[in-house]
């Protein structure tokens, strides 16, 4: 899910974004309770939890998770169990944050630099984000990255 700093929807912002991705729009460009609920409903749709197949979702202690009555009600009604880590700890505890976000960030920076070299007369705008992210994501989203994340979790020291 991309969160774009806009009041109105603009499909051009998603040109060449990764398949299955979608956008929400909020003036600040930051996720909030409402936009997180949009993401959570997509999560339910894609994870397809059920009474015999509940899903555990590990989240951080951010206000848009912990202070949303709709989220707290929606989760158990859809067989999703929420596990909330304390604030500012997920970067050490979650495999996604431990193994995936750092390479993704590095690859995104590399893709941006490559784009700038190939387009010296232009600057990167919000309209290139989908394409640049797609290239970075395809490099970062590997089985080995996922395996590495779980391996690193064994040696956590807070």
C-alpha atoms as a PDB file:
ATOM      1  CA  UNK A   1       0.000   0.000   0.000  1.00  0.00           C
ATOM      2  CA  UNK A   2       1.291   3.412  -0.980  1.00  0.00           C
ATOM      3  CA  UNK A   3       0.158   6.450   0.990  1.00  0.00           C
ATOM      4  CA  UNK A   4       0.348   9.547  -1.179  1.00  0.00           C
ATOM      5  CA  UNK A   5       0.126  13.110   0.123  1.00  0.00           C
ATOM      6  CA  UNK A   6      -2.978  14.115  -1.803  1.00  0.00           C
ATOM      7  CA  UNK A   7      -6.600  15.021  -1.153  1.00  0.00           C
ATOM      8  CA  UNK A   8      -7.805  13.387  -4.374  1.00  0.00           C
ATOM      9  CA  UNK A   9      -7.028  10.060  -6.007  1.00  0.00           C
ATOM     10  CA  UNK A  10      -4.575  10.143  -8.902  1.00  0.00           C
ATOM     11  CA  UNK A  11      -4.146   6.807 -10.741  1.00  0.00           C
ATOM     12  CA  UNK A  12      -1.030   8.103 -12.546  1.00  0.00           C
ATOM     13  CA  UNK A  13       0.866   7.849  -9.256  1.00  0.00           C
ATOM     14  CA  UNK A  14       0.592   4.059  -9.477  1.00  0.00           C
ATOM     15  CA  UNK A  15       2.016   3.731 -12.992  1.00  0.00           C
ATOM     16  CA  UNK A  16       4.201   0.630 -13.142  1.00  0.00           C
ATOM     17  CA  UNK A  17       3.885  -0.062  -9.405  1.00  0.00           C
ATOM     18  CA  UNK A  18       4.283  -3.677  -8.254  1.00  0.00           C
ATOM     19  CA  UNK A  19       1.360  -5.963  -9.138  1.00  0.00           C
ATOM     20  CA  UNK A  20      -1.206  -6.119  -6.348  1.00  0.00           C
ATOM     21  CA  UNK A  21      -0.175  -2.817  -4.818  1.00  0.00           C
ATOM     22  CA  UNK A  22      -2.698  -0.051  -4.282  1.00  0.00           C
ATOM     23  CA  UNK A  23      -2.770   3.538  -3.114  1.00  0.00           C
ATOM     24  CA  UNK A  24      -4.554   5.539  -0.472  1.00  0.00           C
ATOM     25  CA  UNK A  25      -4.514   9.293  -0.295  1.00  0.00           C
ATOM     26  CA  UNK A  26      -4.168  11.484   2.769  1.00  0.00           C
ATOM     27  CA  UNK A  27      -3.163  15.134   3.009  1.00  0.00           C
ATOM     28  CA  UNK A  28      -0.185  14.351   5.231  1.00  0.00           C
ATOM     29  CA  UNK A  29       1.132  11.429   3.199  1.00  0.00           C
ATOM     30  CA  UNK A  30       1.369   9.431   6.430  1.00  0.00           C
ATOM     31  CA  UNK A  31      -0.643   6.417   7.461  1.00  0.00           C
ATOM     32  CA  UNK A  32      -3.320   7.031  10.096  1.00  0.00           C
ATOM     33  CA  UNK A  33      -6.149   5.055  11.702  1.00  0.00           C
ATOM     34  CA  UNK A  34      -8.391   5.270   8.639  1.00  0.00           C
ATOM     35  CA  UNK A  35      -5.725   4.373   6.089  1.00  0.00           C
ATOM     36  CA  UNK A  36      -4.417   1.565   8.303  1.00  0.00           C
ATOM     37  CA  UNK A  37      -7.942   0.100   8.369  1.00  0.00           C
ATOM     38  CA  UNK A  38      -7.952   0.147   4.561  1.00  0.00           C
ATOM     39  CA  UNK A  39      -4.693  -1.825   4.643  1.00  0.00           C
ATOM     40  CA  UNK A  40      -6.014  -4.178   7.338  1.00  0.00           C
ATOM     41  CA  UNK A  41      -9.119  -5.024   5.302  1.00  0.00           C
ATOM     42  CA  UNK A  42      -6.864  -5.877   2.330  1.00  0.00           C
ATOM     43  CA  UNK A  43      -4.734  -7.980   4.694  1.00  0.00           C
ATOM     44  CA  UNK A  44      -7.845  -9.936   5.725  1.00  0.00           C
ATOM     45  CA  UNK A  45      -8.840 -10.379   2.094  1.00  0.00           C
ATOM     46  CA  UNK A  46      -5.410 -11.720   1.083  1.00  0.00           C
ATOM     47  CA  UNK A  47      -4.607 -13.820   4.156  1.00  0.00           C
ATOM     48  CA  UNK A  48      -8.102 -15.363   4.161  1.00  0.00           C
ATOM     49  CA  UNK A  49      -8.245 -16.277   7.868  1.00  0.00           C
ATOM     50  CA  UNK A  50     -10.953 -18.579   9.159  1.00  0.00           C
ATOM     51  CA  UNK A  51     -12.102 -20.267  12.356  1.00  0.00           C
ATOM     52  CA  UNK A  52      -9.867 -23.272  11.646  1.00  0.00           C
ATOM     53  CA  UNK A  53      -7.103 -21.127  10.156  1.00  0.00           C
ATOM     54  CA  UNK A  54      -6.639 -18.015  12.308  1.00  0.00           C
ATOM     55  CA  UNK A  55      -3.895 -15.557  11.417  1.00  0.00           C
ATOM     56  CA  UNK A  56      -1.456 -13.852  13.766  1.00  0.00           C
ATOM     57  CA  UNK A  57      -0.610 -10.265  12.831  1.00  0.00           C
ATOM     58  CA  UNK A  58       2.336  -8.703  14.632  1.00  0.00           C
ATOM     59  CA  UNK A  59       2.045  -4.924  14.845  1.00  0.00           C
ATOM     60  CA  UNK A  60       3.901  -2.143  16.581  1.00  0.00           C
ATOM     61  CA  UNK A  61       2.429  -0.077  19.395  1.00  0.00           C
ATOM     62  CA  UNK A  62       1.606   2.941  17.256  1.00  0.00           C
ATOM     63  CA  UNK A  63      -1.595   4.837  18.108  1.00  0.00           C
ATOM     64  CA  UNK A  64      -3.304   3.949  14.843  1.00  0.00           C
ATOM     65  CA  UNK A  65      -3.045   0.300  15.890  1.00  0.00           C
ATOM     66  CA  UNK A  66      -3.693   0.465  19.609  1.00  0.00           C
ATOM     67  CA  UNK A  67      -6.345   3.192  19.746  1.00  0.00           C
ATOM     68  CA  UNK A  68      -8.629   2.013  16.985  1.00  0.00           C
ATOM     69  CA  UNK A  69     -11.780   0.428  18.334  1.00  0.00           C
ATOM     70  CA  UNK A  70     -12.767  -0.571  14.805  1.00  0.00           C
ATOM     71  CA  UNK A  71      -9.489  -2.485  14.395  1.00  0.00           C
ATOM     72  CA  UNK A  72      -9.850  -4.151  17.802  1.00  0.00           C
ATOM     73  CA  UNK A  73     -13.358  -5.321  16.825  1.00  0.00           C
ATOM     74  CA  UNK A  74     -12.566  -6.189  13.214  1.00  0.00           C
ATOM     75  CA  UNK A  75      -9.610  -8.442  14.031  1.00  0.00           C
ATOM     76  CA  UNK A  76     -11.308 -11.142  16.144  1.00  0.00           C
ATOM     77  CA  UNK A  77     -14.461 -10.965  14.027  1.00  0.00           C
ATOM     78  CA  UNK A  78     -12.259 -12.021  11.096  1.00  0.00           C
ATOM     79  CA  UNK A  79     -10.108 -14.581  12.946  1.00  0.00           C
ATOM     80  CA  UNK A  80      -7.063 -12.339  13.156  1.00  0.00           C
ATOM     81  CA  UNK A  81      -5.126 -12.297  16.404  1.00  0.00           C
ATOM     82  CA  UNK A  82      -3.171  -9.120  17.029  1.00  0.00           C
ATOM     83  CA  UNK A  83       0.151  -9.190  18.861  1.00  0.00           C
ATOM     84  CA  UNK A  84       1.337  -5.709  19.669  1.00  0.00           C
ATOM     85  CA  UNK A  85       5.017  -5.062  20.342  1.00  0.00           C
ATOM     86  CA  UNK A  86       6.066  -2.071  22.430  1.00  0.00           C
ATOM     87  CA  UNK A  87       6.840   1.136  20.572  1.00  0.00           C
ATOM     88  CA  UNK A  88      10.221   1.370  18.844  1.00  0.00           C
ATOM     89  CA  UNK A  89      11.066  -2.344  19.124  1.00  0.00           C
ATOM     90  CA  UNK A  90       9.848  -3.842  15.832  1.00  0.00           C
ATOM     91  CA  UNK A  91      13.044  -2.879  14.009  1.00  0.00           C
ATOM     92  CA  UNK A  92      14.741  -5.504  16.179  1.00  0.00           C
ATOM     93  CA  UNK A  93      11.959  -8.046  16.612  1.00  0.00           C
ATOM     94  CA  UNK A  94      10.085  -8.453  13.344  1.00  0.00           C
ATOM     95  CA  UNK A  95      11.700 -10.431  10.509  1.00  0.00           C
ATOM     96  CA  UNK A  96      10.321  -7.938   7.990  1.00  0.00           C
ATOM     97  CA  UNK A  97      11.993  -5.012   9.705  1.00  0.00           C
ATOM     98  CA  UNK A  98      15.148  -6.971  10.527  1.00  0.00           C
ATOM     99  CA  UNK A  99      15.832  -8.390   7.075  1.00  0.00           C
ATOM    100  CA  UNK A 100      13.689  -6.782   4.414  1.00  0.00           C
ATOM    101  CA  UNK A 101      13.424  -3.052   5.006  1.00  0.00           C
ATOM    102  CA  UNK A 102      17.175  -2.337   5.012  1.00  0.00           C
ATOM    103  CA  UNK A 103      17.834  -4.025   1.638  1.00  0.00           C
ATOM    104  CA  UNK A 104      14.642  -2.499   0.211  1.00  0.00           C
ATOM    105  CA  UNK A 105      15.780   0.957   1.251  1.00  0.00           C
ATOM    106  CA  UNK A 106      19.242   0.380  -0.235  1.00  0.00           C
ATOM    107  CA  UNK A 107      17.826  -0.962  -3.494  1.00  0.00           C
ATOM    108  CA  UNK A 108      15.344   1.932  -3.729  1.00  0.00           C
ATOM    109  CA  UNK A 109      18.199   4.409  -3.338  1.00  0.00           C
ATOM    110  CA  UNK A 110      20.185   2.563  -6.027  1.00  0.00           C
ATOM    111  CA  UNK A 111      17.225   2.568  -8.415  1.00  0.00           C
ATOM    112  CA  UNK A 112      16.711   6.285  -7.797  1.00  0.00           C
ATOM    113  CA  UNK A 113      20.376   7.036  -8.497  1.00  0.00           C
ATOM    114  CA  UNK A 114      20.249   4.938 -11.676  1.00  0.00           C
ATOM    115  CA  UNK A 115      17.120   6.801 -12.829  1.00  0.00           C
ATOM    116  CA  UNK A 116      18.783  10.166 -12.169  1.00  0.00           C
ATOM    117  CA  UNK A 117      21.878   9.128 -14.163  1.00  0.00           C
ATOM    118  CA  UNK A 118      19.682   8.060 -17.077  1.00  0.00           C
ATOM    119  CA  UNK A 119      17.580  11.258 -16.867  1.00  0.00           C
ATOM    120  CA  UNK A 120      20.113  14.002 -16.000  1.00  0.00           C
ATOM    121  CA  UNK A 121      17.761  16.756 -17.144  1.00  0.00           C
ATOM    122  CA  UNK A 122      14.973  15.695 -14.785  1.00  0.00           C
ATOM    123  CA  UNK A 123      14.411  15.091 -11.099  1.00  0.00           C
ATOM    124  CA  UNK A 124      12.563  12.247  -9.438  1.00  0.00           C
ATOM    125  CA  UNK A 125       8.977  13.183  -8.721  1.00  0.00           C
ATOM    126  CA  UNK A 126       6.111  11.439  -7.010  1.00  0.00           C
ATOM    127  CA  UNK A 127       5.166   9.999 -10.434  1.00  0.00           C
ATOM    128  CA  UNK A 128       8.291   7.807 -10.567  1.00  0.00           C
ATOM    129  CA  UNK A 129       7.803   6.244  -7.117  1.00  0.00           C
ATOM    130  CA  UNK A 130       5.783   3.224  -8.299  1.00  0.00           C
ATOM    131  CA  UNK A 131       8.280   2.256 -10.984  1.00  0.00           C
ATOM    132  CA  UNK A 132      11.355   2.802  -8.781  1.00  0.00           C
ATOM    133  CA  UNK A 133       9.758   0.931  -5.901  1.00  0.00           C
ATOM    134  CA  UNK A 134       8.810  -1.971  -8.177  1.00  0.00           C
ATOM    135  CA  UNK A 135      12.433  -2.421  -9.267  1.00  0.00           C
ATOM    136  CA  UNK A 136      13.709  -2.202  -5.677  1.00  0.00           C
ATOM    137  CA  UNK A 137      11.002  -4.503  -4.351  1.00  0.00           C
ATOM    138  CA  UNK A 138      11.734  -7.192  -6.943  1.00  0.00           C
ATOM    139  CA  UNK A 139      15.379  -7.186  -5.841  1.00  0.00           C
ATOM    140  CA  UNK A 140      14.583  -7.287  -2.107  1.00  0.00           C
ATOM    141  CA  UNK A 141      11.643  -9.721  -2.036  1.00  0.00           C
ATOM    142  CA  UNK A 142      13.475 -13.035  -2.183  1.00  0.00           C
ATOM    143  CA  UNK A 143      13.178 -16.279  -0.276  1.00  0.00           C
ATOM    144  CA  UNK A 144      16.717 -15.811   1.012  1.00  0.00           C
ATOM    145  CA  UNK A 145      15.823 -12.401   2.450  1.00  0.00           C
ATOM    146  CA  UNK A 146      12.933 -13.968   4.363  1.00  0.00           C
ATOM    147  CA  UNK A 147      15.079 -16.839   5.651  1.00  0.00           C
ATOM    148  CA  UNK A 148      17.796 -14.399   6.725  1.00  0.00           C
ATOM    149  CA  UNK A 149      15.261 -12.393   8.740  1.00  0.00           C
ATOM    150  CA  UNK A 150      14.284 -15.346  10.853  1.00  0.00           C
ATOM    151  CA  UNK A 151      17.919 -16.310  11.368  1.00  0.00           C
ATOM    152  CA  UNK A 152      18.825 -12.848  12.631  1.00  0.00           C
ATOM    153  CA  UNK A 153      15.948 -12.895  15.120  1.00  0.00           C
ATOM    154  CA  UNK A 154      17.676 -15.558  17.206  1.00  0.00           C
ATOM    155  CA  UNK A 155      20.409 -13.140  18.286  1.00  0.00           C
ATOM    156  CA  UNK A 156      18.306 -10.206  19.490  1.00  0.00           C
ATOM    157  CA  UNK A 157      19.585  -8.003  22.249  1.00  0.00           C
ATOM    158  CA  UNK A 158      17.533  -4.974  23.133  1.00  0.00           C
END
